[in-house]
Amino acid sequence: MLKEVNLGGAYVAPIVLYLLLATPIFLVCRWGLARLGVLAFVWHPALFEIALFGVILAALVPLS
């Protein structure tokens, strides 16, 4: 069962830790996709990036 995490004296939801962990992974993936030119073939890059972040976040949650 997921419980609140004590972060600097404040209790936060576990999703906050997952968001903090997903952010650098997302930035590396985004940099790699931009470098490879994949984002040029995407219809709406902003929507693609949001979906990519959601996929990374959803993949991290069951790993706990």
N, C-alpha and C. Protein backbone atom coordinates (compact mmCIF):
# COMPACT_ATOMS: atom_id res chain seq x y z
N MET A 1 0.83 -1.18 0.00
CA MET A 1 0.00 0.00 0.00
C MET A 1 0.87 1.25 0.00
N LEU A 2 0.57 2.18 -0.86
CA LEU A 2 1.32 3.42 -0.93
C LEU A 2 0.88 4.35 0.18
N LYS A 3 1.85 4.97 0.83
CA LYS A 3 1.56 5.89 1.91
C LYS A 3 2.24 7.21 1.64
N GLU A 4 1.86 8.22 2.40
CA GLU A 4 2.48 9.52 2.25
C GLU A 4 3.97 9.43 2.59
N VAL A 5 4.73 10.29 1.95
CA VAL A 5 6.18 10.32 2.14
C VAL A 5 6.54 11.62 2.84
N ASN A 6 7.39 11.51 3.85
CA ASN A 6 7.85 12.69 4.57
C ASN A 6 8.99 13.32 3.77
N LEU A 7 8.74 14.48 3.21
CA LEU A 7 9.71 15.17 2.37
C LEU A 7 10.01 16.53 3.00
N GLY A 8 11.07 16.59 3.77
CA GLY A 8 11.44 17.85 4.42
C GLY A 8 10.45 18.29 5.48
N GLY A 9 9.83 17.35 6.15
CA GLY A 9 8.87 17.68 7.20
C GLY A 9 7.45 17.84 6.71
N ALA A 10 7.23 17.74 5.42
CA ALA A 10 5.88 17.84 4.87
C ALA A 10 5.52 16.50 4.24
N TYR A 11 4.33 16.04 4.53
CA TYR A 11 3.87 14.79 3.94
C TYR A 11 3.29 15.07 2.56
N VAL A 12 3.81 14.34 1.58
CA VAL A 12 3.34 14.51 0.21
C VAL A 12 2.88 13.16 -0.33
N ALA A 13 2.05 13.22 -1.33
CA ALA A 13 1.55 12.01 -1.96
C ALA A 13 2.69 11.32 -2.72
N PRO A 14 2.67 10.00 -2.83
CA PRO A 14 3.74 9.30 -3.53
C PRO A 14 3.87 9.69 -5.00
N ILE A 15 2.81 10.19 -5.59
CA ILE A 15 2.88 10.58 -7.00
C ILE A 15 3.88 11.70 -7.22
N VAL A 16 4.12 12.52 -6.20
CA VAL A 16 5.08 13.61 -6.31
C VAL A 16 6.48 13.04 -6.55
N LEU A 17 6.82 11.99 -5.85
CA LEU A 17 8.12 11.36 -6.06
C LEU A 17 8.24 10.75 -7.44
N TYR A 18 7.15 10.15 -7.91
CA TYR A 18 7.16 9.60 -9.26
C TYR A 18 7.30 10.70 -10.31
N LEU A 19 6.66 11.84 -10.08
CA LEU A 19 6.79 12.97 -11.01
C LEU A 19 8.23 13.47 -11.04
N LEU A 20 8.85 13.55 -9.87
CA LEU A 20 10.24 14.01 -9.81
C LEU A 20 11.19 13.01 -10.49
N LEU A 21 10.89 11.74 -10.39
CA LEU A 21 11.71 10.73 -11.03
C LEU A 21 11.47 10.67 -12.54
N ALA A 22 10.24 10.90 -12.96
CA ALA A 22 9.91 10.83 -14.39
C ALA A 22 10.44 12.02 -15.17
N THR A 23 10.63 13.15 -14.51
CA THR A 23 11.04 14.36 -15.22
C THR A 23 12.41 14.23 -15.90
N PRO A 24 13.47 13.79 -15.20
CA PRO A 24 14.75 13.67 -15.93
C PRO A 24 14.73 12.59 -17.02
N ILE A 25 13.98 11.52 -16.79
CA ILE A 25 13.86 10.47 -17.82
C ILE A 25 13.19 11.06 -19.06
N PHE A 26 12.13 11.84 -18.83
CA PHE A 26 11.42 12.48 -19.94
C PHE A 26 12.33 13.45 -20.69
N LEU A 27 13.11 14.23 -19.95
CA LEU A 27 13.97 15.21 -20.61
C LEU A 27 15.03 14.54 -21.47
N VAL A 28 15.57 13.44 -21.01
CA VAL A 28 16.54 12.70 -21.81
C VAL A 28 15.88 12.12 -23.05
N CYS A 29 14.69 11.55 -22.90
CA CYS A 29 13.96 11.00 -24.05
C CYS A 29 13.61 12.10 -25.05
N ARG A 30 13.16 13.24 -24.55
CA ARG A 30 12.80 14.35 -25.42
C ARG A 30 14.02 14.87 -26.18
N TRP A 31 15.14 14.97 -25.49
CA TRP A 31 16.37 15.42 -26.14
C TRP A 31 16.78 14.43 -27.24
N GLY A 32 16.69 13.14 -26.94
CA GLY A 32 17.06 12.13 -27.92
C GLY A 32 16.14 12.13 -29.13
N LEU A 33 14.85 12.27 -28.89
CA LEU A 33 13.90 12.29 -30.01
C LEU A 33 14.09 13.54 -30.87
N ALA A 34 14.37 14.66 -30.25
CA ALA A 34 14.61 15.89 -31.01
C ALA A 34 15.90 15.77 -31.81
N ARG A 35 16.89 15.16 -31.22
CA ARG A 35 18.18 14.99 -31.90
C ARG A 35 18.07 14.05 -33.09
N LEU A 36 17.23 13.03 -32.96
CA LEU A 36 17.02 12.09 -34.06
C LEU A 36 16.07 12.63 -35.12
N GLY A 37 15.38 13.71 -34.83
CA GLY A 37 14.45 14.30 -35.78
C GLY A 37 13.07 13.67 -35.78
N VAL A 38 12.76 12.91 -34.76
CA VAL A 38 11.46 12.24 -34.69
C VAL A 38 10.33 13.26 -34.52
N LEU A 39 10.60 14.32 -33.77
CA LEU A 39 9.55 15.30 -33.51
C LEU A 39 9.11 16.04 -34.77
N ALA A 40 9.92 16.01 -35.81
CA ALA A 40 9.53 16.65 -37.07
C ALA A 40 8.43 15.87 -37.78
N PHE A 41 8.29 14.59 -37.46
CA PHE A 41 7.27 13.75 -38.10
C PHE A 41 5.99 13.62 -37.29
N VAL A 42 5.95 14.28 -36.14
CA VAL A 42 4.79 14.20 -35.25
C VAL A 42 3.84 15.33 -35.60
N TRP A 43 2.55 15.01 -35.59
CA TRP A 43 1.55 16.01 -35.98
C TRP A 43 1.53 17.18 -35.01
N HIS A 44 1.53 16.90 -33.70
CA HIS A 44 1.48 17.94 -32.68
C HIS A 44 2.53 17.61 -31.62
N PRO A 45 3.71 18.19 -31.69
CA PRO A 45 4.79 17.82 -30.78
C PRO A 45 4.47 18.00 -29.30
N ALA A 46 3.72 19.03 -28.95
CA ALA A 46 3.39 19.25 -27.54
C ALA A 46 2.51 18.12 -27.00
N LEU A 47 1.53 17.69 -27.77
CA LEU A 47 0.68 16.59 -27.34
C LEU A 47 1.48 15.29 -27.25
N PHE A 48 2.39 15.11 -28.18
CA PHE A 48 3.24 13.92 -28.17
C PHE A 48 4.11 13.90 -26.91
N GLU A 49 4.65 15.05 -26.54
CA GLU A 49 5.50 15.12 -25.35
C GLU A 49 4.70 14.89 -24.08
N ILE A 50 3.51 15.41 -24.01
CA ILE A 50 2.65 15.15 -22.83
C ILE A 50 2.33 13.66 -22.74
N ALA A 51 2.01 13.05 -23.87
CA ALA A 51 1.71 11.62 -23.86
C ALA A 51 2.94 10.80 -23.48
N LEU A 52 4.11 11.21 -23.95
CA LEU A 52 5.35 10.52 -23.59
C LEU A 52 5.60 10.61 -22.09
N PHE A 53 5.39 11.78 -21.51
CA PHE A 53 5.55 11.94 -20.07
C PHE A 53 4.56 11.06 -19.32
N GLY A 54 3.33 10.99 -19.80
CA GLY A 54 2.32 10.13 -19.17
C GLY A 54 2.70 8.66 -19.23
N VAL A 55 3.26 8.24 -20.34
CA VAL A 55 3.69 6.84 -20.48
C VAL A 55 4.83 6.52 -19.53
N ILE A 56 5.78 7.44 -19.44
CA ILE A 56 6.91 7.23 -18.53
C ILE A 56 6.42 7.18 -17.09
N LEU A 57 5.55 8.10 -16.72
CA LEU A 57 5.01 8.12 -15.37
C LEU A 57 4.21 6.86 -15.07
N ALA A 58 3.39 6.43 -16.01
CA ALA A 58 2.59 5.22 -15.81
C ALA A 58 3.47 3.98 -15.72
N ALA A 59 4.62 4.00 -16.37
CA ALA A 59 5.53 2.86 -16.30
C ALA A 59 6.27 2.83 -14.96
N LEU A 60 6.49 3.98 -14.35
CA LEU A 60 7.21 4.03 -13.08
C LEU A 60 6.35 3.59 -11.90
N VAL A 61 5.08 3.88 -11.93
CA VAL A 61 4.21 3.60 -10.78
C VAL A 61 4.16 2.12 -10.41
N PRO A 62 3.99 1.21 -11.35
CA PRO A 62 3.96 -0.22 -10.95
C PRO A 62 5.31 -0.75 -10.49
N LEU A 63 6.38 -0.05 -10.79
CA LEU A 63 7.70 -0.52 -10.39
C LEU A 63 7.98 -0.34 -8.90
N SER A 64 7.10 0.37 -8.21
CA SER A 64 7.36 0.62 -6.79
C SER A 64 7.16 -0.60 -5.97
